[in-house]
Amino acid sequence: QAHLVESGGGVVQPGGTLRLSCEASAFNFSGFWMYWVRQAPGKGLERISSINVGGDNVYYADSVKGRFTISRDNAKNTLYLQMTTLKIEHTAVYYCTRASYDYWGQGTQVTVSS
């Protein structure tokens, strides 16, 4: 059974930076597109970024474009999300998931607050 574990969340001031990681195991990580999905307080799930297997085709939602960078290290079975110039509205639980949406991590909380 596939397993995904996010880490790197925390509390940061507006304008700050965080780097999220998602460690994958028990499946062929390098064979899957991967997504970052978030859920802000009181809102639904939002896919904010995706990356293809080779890491050279990426997508960003308008809400994070220019601030967040997705990447992956297939040798380490790890997905990353570099988050810069954070805003209060970026507060959410961030999840990584396979493109098939069949396996999810437990999520990592990102709180942007002054």
Protein backbone atom coordinates (compact mmCIF):
# COMPACT_ATOMS: atom_id res chain seq x y z
CA GLN A 1 0.00 0.00 0.00
CA ALA A 2 1.37 3.38 -1.00
CA HIS A 3 2.46 5.66 1.80
CA LEU A 4 2.99 9.43 1.74
CA VAL A 5 4.30 11.52 4.63
CA GLU A 6 4.38 15.31 4.51
CA SER A 7 6.63 17.45 6.68
CA GLY A 8 7.95 20.98 6.89
CA GLY A 9 4.87 22.91 7.88
CA GLY A 10 4.77 25.38 10.72
CA VAL A 11 4.00 28.91 11.75
CA VAL A 12 5.61 31.69 9.75
CA GLN A 13 5.16 35.43 9.45
CA PRO A 14 3.82 37.02 6.28
CA GLY A 15 6.60 37.23 3.73
CA GLY A 16 8.29 34.18 5.17
CA THR A 17 9.43 30.97 3.55
CA LEU A 18 8.76 27.29 4.11
CA ARG A 19 9.77 24.14 2.30
CA LEU A 20 7.40 21.21 2.43
CA SER A 21 8.53 17.67 1.77
CA CYS A 22 6.57 14.55 0.96
CA GLU A 23 8.32 11.23 1.35
CA ALA A 24 6.82 8.41 -0.67
CA SER A 25 7.17 4.69 -0.12
CA ALA A 26 5.72 1.35 -1.19
CA PHE A 27 5.06 2.35 -4.78
CA ASN A 28 6.96 3.39 -7.88
CA PHE A 29 7.20 7.11 -7.09
CA SER A 30 9.09 7.94 -10.28
CA GLY A 31 6.23 6.60 -12.37
CA PHE A 32 3.54 8.94 -11.10
CA TRP A 33 2.60 12.54 -11.59
CA MET A 34 2.32 14.08 -8.14
CA TYR A 35 0.15 16.86 -6.76
CA TRP A 36 0.12 19.27 -3.86
CA VAL A 37 -3.40 19.95 -2.62
CA ARG A 38 -4.41 22.25 0.20
CA GLN A 39 -7.44 22.88 2.34
CA ALA A 40 -7.79 26.30 3.88
CA PRO A 41 -9.98 26.78 6.96
CA GLY A 42 -13.63 26.46 6.04
CA LYS A 43 -12.87 25.78 2.37
CA GLY A 44 -12.68 22.81 0.07
CA LEU A 45 -9.68 21.04 -1.38
CA GLU A 46 -7.66 22.99 -3.94
CA ARG A 47 -5.01 21.49 -6.19
CA ILE A 48 -2.29 24.10 -6.18
CA SER A 49 0.53 22.41 -8.04
CA SER A 50 1.45 19.32 -10.02
CA ILE A 51 4.58 17.84 -11.54
CA ASN A 52 5.18 15.20 -14.15
CA VAL A 53 7.37 12.15 -13.67
CA GLY A 54 10.46 13.81 -15.08
CA GLY A 55 10.00 17.04 -13.20
CA ASP A 56 10.03 19.21 -16.31
CA ASN A 57 6.30 19.83 -16.67
CA VAL A 58 4.71 21.70 -13.79
CA TYR A 59 1.43 23.42 -13.07
CA TYR A 60 0.53 26.11 -10.56
CA ALA A 61 -2.81 27.51 -9.56
CA ASP A 62 -3.07 31.25 -9.98
CA SER A 63 -3.26 31.61 -6.21
CA VAL A 64 0.34 30.42 -5.80
CA LYS A 65 1.96 31.13 -9.15
CA GLY A 66 5.22 33.01 -8.77
CA ARG A 67 5.47 32.21 -5.05
CA PHE A 68 5.59 28.42 -4.87
CA THR A 69 7.90 25.98 -6.66
CA ILE A 70 7.23 22.27 -6.97
CA SER A 71 10.05 19.81 -7.50
CA ARG A 72 10.87 16.18 -7.01
CA ASP A 73 13.83 13.94 -6.39
CA ASN A 74 13.01 10.52 -7.79
CA ALA A 75 16.17 9.02 -6.34
CA LYS A 76 14.96 10.00 -2.87
CA ASN A 77 11.26 9.29 -3.55
CA THR A 78 10.51 12.79 -2.34
CA LEU A 79 8.27 15.61 -3.54
CA TYR A 80 8.92 19.20 -2.50
CA LEU A 81 7.06 22.49 -2.37
CA GLN A 82 9.14 25.62 -1.87
CA MET A 83 6.88 28.35 -0.57
CA THR A 84 8.10 31.95 -0.59
CA THR A 85 6.64 35.35 0.20
CA LEU A 86 3.89 33.67 2.14
CA LYS A 87 0.62 35.44 2.75
CA ILE A 88 -2.01 34.98 5.43
CA GLU A 89 -4.33 33.43 2.85
CA HIS A 90 -1.83 30.63 2.32
CA THR A 91 -2.78 29.25 5.72
CA ALA A 92 -4.02 25.71 5.14
CA VAL A 93 -3.32 22.03 5.58
CA TYR A 94 -1.13 20.93 2.69
CA TYR A 95 -1.33 17.41 1.32
CA CYS A 96 0.61 15.51 -1.28
CA THR A 97 -1.15 12.94 -3.39
CA ARG A 98 -0.63 10.82 -6.45
CA ALA A 99 -2.32 12.08 -9.60
CA SER A 100 -4.84 9.28 -9.22
CA TYR A 101 -5.90 10.80 -5.88
CA ASP A 102 -5.95 7.32 -4.39
CA TYR A 103 -3.32 7.81 -1.71
CA TRP A 104 -2.82 10.89 0.43
CA GLY A 105 -0.47 11.92 3.16
CA GLN A 106 -1.72 13.00 6.57
CA GLY A 107 -1.14 16.64 5.71
CA THR A 108 1.07 19.31 7.21
CA GLN A 109 -0.29 22.53 8.70
CA VAL A 110 1.01 25.83 7.38
CA THR A 111 -0.01 28.88 9.36
CA VAL A 112 0.93 32.35 8.17
CA SER A 113 0.35 34.87 10.90
CA SER A 114 1.83 38.07 12.21
